[in-house]
Amino acid sequence: MVEAAPKTVEMDNYLKDVVQALHAACNSAMRNMQTNPKEAEKAIESCEEILGVIMEGHTEEWVG
């Protein structure tokens, strides 16, 4: 039987929160695209920032 890697539950919870934050930022961008392009741009920048942190892959920092 394969044992789970350390802090798997914490990592799963962190990534779940990240996905929810990305979803909220994307929804905000889509809602504001026509009426408030500056707010949409801020939401898109938030998505880029969140994805940048994930792509760096410093998992030890995510779950402390």
PDB file of N, CA and C in Angstrom:
ATOM      1  N   MET A   1       0.845  -1.179   0.000  1.00  0.00           N
ATOM      2  CA  MET A   1       0.000   0.000   0.000  1.00  0.00           C
ATOM      3  C   MET A   1       0.898   1.253   0.000  1.00  0.00           C
ATOM      4  N   VAL A   2       0.541   2.204  -0.806  1.00  0.00           N
ATOM      5  CA  VAL A   2       1.295   3.446  -0.903  1.00  0.00           C
ATOM      6  C   VAL A   2       0.806   4.410   0.169  1.00  0.00           C
ATOM      7  N   GLU A   3       1.741   4.986   0.885  1.00  0.00           N
ATOM      8  CA  GLU A   3       1.372   5.962   1.919  1.00  0.00           C
ATOM      9  C   GLU A   3       1.255   7.353   1.306  1.00  0.00           C
ATOM     10  N   ALA A   4       0.351   8.137   1.855  1.00  0.00           N
ATOM     11  CA  ALA A   4       0.162   9.508   1.381  1.00  0.00           C
ATOM     12  C   ALA A   4       1.388  10.348   1.721  1.00  0.00           C
ATOM     13  N   ALA A   5       1.691  11.270   0.848  1.00  0.00           N
ATOM     14  CA  ALA A   5       2.794  12.186   1.097  1.00  0.00           C
ATOM     15  C   ALA A   5       2.444  13.070   2.288  1.00  0.00           C
ATOM     16  N   PRO A   6       3.452  13.563   2.991  1.00  0.00           N
ATOM     17  CA  PRO A   6       3.182  14.445   4.132  1.00  0.00           C
ATOM     18  C   PRO A   6       2.390  15.692   3.710  1.00  0.00           C
ATOM     19  N   LYS A   7       1.518  16.101   4.558  1.00  0.00           N
ATOM     20  CA  LYS A   7       0.728  17.330   4.381  1.00  0.00           C
ATOM     21  C   LYS A   7      -0.173  17.308   3.150  1.00  0.00           C
ATOM     22  N   THR A   8      -0.591  16.130   2.727  1.00  0.00           N
ATOM     23  CA  THR A   8      -1.438  16.038   1.540  1.00  0.00           C
ATOM     24  C   THR A   8      -2.773  16.730   1.753  1.00  0.00           C
ATOM     25  N   VAL A   9      -3.360  16.531   2.907  1.00  0.00           N
ATOM     26  CA  VAL A   9      -4.661  17.144   3.192  1.00  0.00           C
ATOM     27  C   VAL A   9      -4.534  18.660   3.183  1.00  0.00           C
ATOM     28  N   GLU A  10      -3.479  19.165   3.810  1.00  0.00           N
ATOM     29  CA  GLU A  10      -3.267  20.618   3.837  1.00  0.00           C
ATOM     30  C   GLU A  10      -3.081  21.171   2.424  1.00  0.00           C
ATOM     31  N   MET A  11      -2.318  20.435   1.600  1.00  0.00           N
ATOM     32  CA  MET A  11      -2.090  20.869   0.217  1.00  0.00           C
ATOM     33  C   MET A  11      -3.392  20.859  -0.569  1.00  0.00           C
ATOM     34  N   ASP A  12      -4.178  19.805  -0.412  1.00  0.00           N
ATOM     35  CA  ASP A  12      -5.469  19.736  -1.104  1.00  0.00           C
ATOM     36  C   ASP A  12      -6.368  20.896  -0.702  1.00  0.00           C
ATOM     37  N   ASN A  13      -6.412  21.200   0.581  1.00  0.00           N
ATOM     38  CA  ASN A  13      -7.240  22.317   1.060  1.00  0.00           C
ATOM     39  C   ASN A  13      -6.743  23.639   0.506  1.00  0.00           C
ATOM     40  N   TYR A  14      -5.432  23.823   0.475  1.00  0.00           N
ATOM     41  CA  TYR A  14      -4.860  25.058  -0.063  1.00  0.00           C
ATOM     42  C   TYR A  14      -5.222  25.216  -1.539  1.00  0.00           C
ATOM     43  N   LEU A  15      -5.024  24.151  -2.309  1.00  0.00           N
ATOM     44  CA  LEU A  15      -5.324  24.226  -3.743  1.00  0.00           C
ATOM     45  C   LEU A  15      -6.815  24.414  -4.000  1.00  0.00           C
ATOM     46  N   LYS A  16      -7.655  23.849  -3.153  1.00  0.00           N
ATOM     47  CA  LYS A  16      -9.101  24.074  -3.268  1.00  0.00           C
ATOM     48  C   LYS A  16      -9.400  25.563  -3.086  1.00  0.00           C
ATOM     49  N   ASP A  17      -8.772  26.181  -2.076  1.00  0.00           N
ATOM     50  CA  ASP A  17      -8.959  27.616  -1.847  1.00  0.00           C
ATOM     51  C   ASP A  17      -8.465  28.434  -3.034  1.00  0.00           C
ATOM     52  N   VAL A  18      -7.355  28.016  -3.625  1.00  0.00           N
ATOM     53  CA  VAL A  18      -6.805  28.715  -4.793  1.00  0.00           C
ATOM     54  C   VAL A  18      -7.779  28.651  -5.960  1.00  0.00           C
ATOM     55  N   VAL A  19      -8.311  27.471  -6.214  1.00  0.00           N
ATOM     56  CA  VAL A  19      -9.257  27.312  -7.321  1.00  0.00           C
ATOM     57  C   VAL A  19     -10.503  28.163  -7.081  1.00  0.00           C
ATOM     58  N   GLN A  20     -10.976  28.201  -5.843  1.00  0.00           N
ATOM     59  CA  GLN A  20     -12.144  29.028  -5.534  1.00  0.00           C
ATOM     60  C   GLN A  20     -11.833  30.514  -5.729  1.00  0.00           C
ATOM     61  N   ALA A  21     -10.631  30.944  -5.356  1.00  0.00           N
ATOM     62  CA  ALA A  21     -10.238  32.339  -5.549  1.00  0.00           C
ATOM     63  C   ALA A  21     -10.138  32.676  -7.035  1.00  0.00           C
ATOM     64  N   LEU A  22      -9.582  31.767  -7.824  1.00  0.00           N
ATOM     65  CA  LEU A  22      -9.507  31.983  -9.273  1.00  0.00           C
ATOM     66  C   LEU A  22     -10.900  32.054  -9.877  1.00  0.00           C
ATOM     67  N   HIS A  23     -11.773  31.183  -9.441  1.00  0.00           N
ATOM     68  CA  HIS A  23     -13.142  31.174  -9.954  1.00  0.00           C
ATOM     69  C   HIS A  23     -13.831  32.502  -9.647  1.00  0.00           C
ATOM     70  N   ALA A  24     -13.678  32.977  -8.428  1.00  0.00           N
ATOM     71  CA  ALA A  24     -14.296  34.255  -8.040  1.00  0.00           C
ATOM     72  C   ALA A  24     -13.716  35.409  -8.847  1.00  0.00           C
ATOM     73  N   ALA A  25     -12.399  35.409  -9.046  1.00  0.00           N
ATOM     74  CA  ALA A  25     -11.768  36.488  -9.814  1.00  0.00           C
ATOM     75  C   ALA A  25     -12.230  36.453 -11.268  1.00  0.00           C
ATOM     76  N   CYS A  26     -12.333  35.277 -11.843  1.00  0.00           N
ATOM     77  CA  CYS A  26     -12.809  35.162 -13.230  1.00  0.00           C
ATOM     78  C   CYS A  26     -14.260  35.618 -13.355  1.00  0.00           C
ATOM     79  N   ASN A  27     -15.081  35.225 -12.398  1.00  0.00           N
ATOM     80  CA  ASN A  27     -16.481  35.663 -12.420  1.00  0.00           C
ATOM     81  C   ASN A  27     -16.574  37.175 -12.334  1.00  0.00           C
ATOM     82  N   SER A  28     -15.762  37.760 -11.475  1.00  0.00           N
ATOM     83  CA  SER A  28     -15.760  39.215 -11.336  1.00  0.00           C
ATOM     84  C   SER A  28     -15.341  39.887 -12.642  1.00  0.00           C
ATOM     85  N   ALA A  29     -14.319  39.346 -13.267  1.00  0.00           N
ATOM     86  CA  ALA A  29     -13.853  39.911 -14.537  1.00  0.00           C
ATOM     87  C   ALA A  29     -14.945  39.835 -15.594  1.00  0.00           C
ATOM     88  N   MET A  30     -15.610  38.702 -15.686  1.00  0.00           N
ATOM     89  CA  MET A  30     -16.647  38.538 -16.699  1.00  0.00           C
ATOM     90  C   MET A  30     -17.837  39.468 -16.456  1.00  0.00           C
ATOM     91  N   ARG A  31     -18.215  39.628 -15.181  1.00  0.00           N
ATOM     92  CA  ARG A  31     -19.344  40.517 -14.863  1.00  0.00           C
ATOM     93  C   ARG A  31     -19.026  41.968 -15.194  1.00  0.00           C
ATOM     94  N   ASN A  32     -17.773  42.360 -15.036  1.00  0.00           N
ATOM     95  CA  ASN A  32     -17.404  43.757 -15.199  1.00  0.00           C
ATOM     96  C   ASN A  32     -16.826  44.093 -16.570  1.00  0.00           C
ATOM     97  N   MET A  33     -16.702  43.110 -17.435  1.00  0.00           N
ATOM     98  CA  MET A  33     -16.045  43.313 -18.725  1.00  0.00           C
ATOM     99  C   MET A  33     -16.645  44.480 -19.512  1.00  0.00           C
ATOM    100  N   GLN A  34     -17.942  44.529 -19.617  1.00  0.00           N
ATOM    101  CA  GLN A  34     -18.603  45.561 -20.418  1.00  0.00           C
ATOM    102  C   GLN A  34     -18.811  46.864 -19.652  1.00  0.00           C
ATOM    103  N   THR A  35     -19.189  46.756 -18.395  1.00  0.00           N
ATOM    104  CA  THR A  35     -19.578  47.954 -17.639  1.00  0.00           C
ATOM    105  C   THR A  35     -18.425  48.635 -16.920  1.00  0.00           C
ATOM    106  N   ASN A  36     -17.419  47.877 -16.523  1.00  0.00           N
ATOM    107  CA  ASN A  36     -16.328  48.454 -15.753  1.00  0.00           C
ATOM    108  C   ASN A  36     -15.016  47.748 -16.115  1.00  0.00           C
ATOM    109  N   PRO A  37     -14.449  48.098 -17.262  1.00  0.00           N
ATOM    110  CA  PRO A  37     -13.256  47.399 -17.746  1.00  0.00           C
ATOM    111  C   PRO A  37     -12.056  47.483 -16.790  1.00  0.00           C
ATOM    112  N   LYS A  38     -11.954  48.565 -16.021  1.00  0.00           N
ATOM    113  CA  LYS A  38     -10.830  48.675 -15.079  1.00  0.00           C
ATOM    114  C   LYS A  38     -10.935  47.615 -13.985  1.00  0.00           C
ATOM    115  N   GLU A  39     -12.142  47.370 -13.486  1.00  0.00           N
ATOM    116  CA  GLU A  39     -12.343  46.334 -12.476  1.00  0.00           C
ATOM    117  C   GLU A  39     -12.083  44.948 -13.075  1.00  0.00           C
ATOM    118  N   ALA A  40     -12.487  44.774 -14.315  1.00  0.00           N
ATOM    119  CA  ALA A  40     -12.233  43.499 -14.986  1.00  0.00           C
ATOM    120  C   ALA A  40     -10.730  43.268 -15.110  1.00  0.00           C
ATOM    121  N   GLU A  41     -10.005  44.292 -15.455  1.00  0.00           N
ATOM    122  CA  GLU A  41      -8.549  44.176 -15.587  1.00  0.00           C
ATOM    123  C   GLU A  41      -7.903  43.822 -14.246  1.00  0.00           C
ATOM    124  N   LYS A  42      -8.388  44.430 -13.163  1.00  0.00           N
ATOM    125  CA  LYS A  42      -7.864  44.098 -11.825  1.00  0.00           C
ATOM    126  C   LYS A  42      -8.102  42.630 -11.495  1.00  0.00           C
ATOM    127  N   ALA A  43      -9.278  42.133 -11.832  1.00  0.00           N
ATOM    128  CA  ALA A  43      -9.601  40.731 -11.565  1.00  0.00           C
ATOM    129  C   ALA A  43      -8.697  39.807 -12.378  1.00  0.00           C
ATOM    130  N   ILE A  44      -8.441  40.169 -13.614  1.00  0.00           N
ATOM    131  CA  ILE A  44      -7.555  39.366 -14.459  1.00  0.00           C
ATOM    132  C   ILE A  44      -6.136  39.384 -13.906  1.00  0.00           C
ATOM    133  N   GLU A  45      -5.691  40.528 -13.432  1.00  0.00           N
ATOM    134  CA  GLU A  45      -4.364  40.623 -12.818  1.00  0.00           C
ATOM    135  C   GLU A  45      -4.285  39.742 -11.567  1.00  0.00           C
ATOM    136  N   SER A  46      -5.368  39.682 -10.803  1.00  0.00           N
ATOM    137  CA  SER A  46      -5.400  38.799  -9.634  1.00  0.00           C
ATOM    138  C   SER A  46      -5.245  37.347 -10.058  1.00  0.00           C
ATOM    139  N   CYS A  47      -5.917  36.964 -11.121  1.00  0.00           N
ATOM    140  CA  CYS A  47      -5.791  35.599 -11.636  1.00  0.00           C
ATOM    141  C   CYS A  47      -4.346  35.310 -12.031  1.00  0.00           C
ATOM    142  N   GLU A  48      -3.732  36.240 -12.739  1.00  0.00           N
ATOM    143  CA  GLU A  48      -2.342  36.050 -13.163  1.00  0.00           C
ATOM    144  C   GLU A  48      -1.411  35.914 -11.963  1.00  0.00           C
ATOM    145  N   GLU A  49      -1.649  36.712 -10.937  1.00  0.00           N
ATOM    146  CA  GLU A  49      -0.813  36.649  -9.733  1.00  0.00           C
ATOM    147  C   GLU A  49      -0.971  35.298  -9.033  1.00  0.00           C
ATOM    148  N   ILE A  50      -2.198  34.860  -8.884  1.00  0.00           N
ATOM    149  CA  ILE A  50      -2.457  33.577  -8.228  1.00  0.00           C
ATOM    150  C   ILE A  50      -1.805  32.438  -9.007  1.00  0.00           C
ATOM    151  N   LEU A  51      -1.976  32.442 -10.320  1.00  0.00           N
ATOM    152  CA  LEU A  51      -1.379  31.390 -11.140  1.00  0.00           C
ATOM    153  C   LEU A  51       0.144  31.450 -11.100  1.00  0.00           C
ATOM    154  N   GLY A  52       0.709  32.646 -11.023  1.00  0.00           N
ATOM    155  CA  GLY A  52       2.160  32.786 -10.917  1.00  0.00           C
ATOM    156  C   GLY A  52       2.701  32.138  -9.663  1.00  0.00           C
ATOM    157  N   VAL A  53       2.015  32.339  -8.560  1.00  0.00           N
ATOM    158  CA  VAL A  53       2.432  31.724  -7.292  1.00  0.00           C
ATOM    159  C   VAL A  53       2.377  30.202  -7.409  1.00  0.00           C
ATOM    160  N   ILE A  54       1.308  29.688  -7.992  1.00  0.00           N
ATOM    161  CA  ILE A  54       1.172  28.243  -8.145  1.00  0.00           C
ATOM    162  C   ILE A  54       2.276  27.693  -9.050  1.00  0.00           C
ATOM    163  N   MET A  55       2.534  28.357 -10.151  1.00  0.00           N
ATOM    164  CA  MET A  55       3.521  27.860 -11.101  1.00  0.00           C
ATOM    165  C   MET A  55       4.944  27.895 -10.541  1.00  0.00           C
ATOM    166  N   GLU A  56       5.214  28.779  -9.581  1.00  0.00           N
ATOM    167  CA  GLU A  56       6.521  28.793  -8.952  1.00  0.00           C
ATOM    168  C   GLU A  56       6.752  27.503  -8.174  1.00  0.00           C
ATOM    169  N   GLY A  57       5.688  26.935  -7.624  1.00  0.00           N
ATOM    170  CA  GLY A  57       5.739  25.620  -7.015  1.00  0.00           C
ATOM    171  C   GLY A  57       6.415  25.526  -5.660  1.00  0.00           C
ATOM    172  N   HIS A  58       6.471  26.599  -4.909  1.00  0.00           N
ATOM    173  CA  HIS A  58       7.082  26.557  -3.577  1.00  0.00           C
ATOM    174  C   HIS A  58       6.072  26.038  -2.555  1.00  0.00           C
ATOM    175  N   THR A  59       5.776  24.753  -2.657  1.00  0.00           N
ATOM    176  CA  THR A  59       4.703  24.164  -1.865  1.00  0.00           C
ATOM    177  C   THR A  59       4.951  24.244  -0.367  1.00  0.00           C
ATOM    178  N   GLU A  60       6.201  24.227   0.046  1.00  0.00           N
ATOM    179  CA  GLU A  60       6.483  24.292   1.477  1.00  0.00           C
ATOM    180  C   GLU A  60       6.003  25.615   2.076  1.00  0.00           C
ATOM    181  N   GLU A  61       5.964  26.659   1.293  1.00  0.00           N
ATOM    182  CA  GLU A  61       5.477  27.959   1.752  1.00  0.00           C
ATOM    183  C   GLU A  61       3.949  27.993   1.827  1.00  0.00           C
ATOM    184  N   TRP A  62       3.285  27.202   1.003  1.00  0.00           N
ATOM    185  CA  TRP A  62       1.824  27.234   0.935  1.00  0.00           C
ATOM    186  C   TRP A  62       1.175  26.698   2.189  1.00  0.00           C
ATOM    187  N   VAL A  63       1.723  25.652   2.729  1.00  0.00           N
ATOM    188  CA  VAL A  63       1.084  24.990   3.859  1.00  0.00           C
ATOM    189  C   VAL A  63       1.839  25.195   5.178  1.00  0.00           C
ATOM    190  N   GLY A  64       2.900  25.978   5.118  1.00  0.00           N
ATOM    191  CA  GLY A  64       3.666  26.367   6.301  1.00  0.00           C
ATOM    192  C   GLY A  64       4.025  25.251   7.175  1.00  0.00           C
TER     193      GLY A  64
END
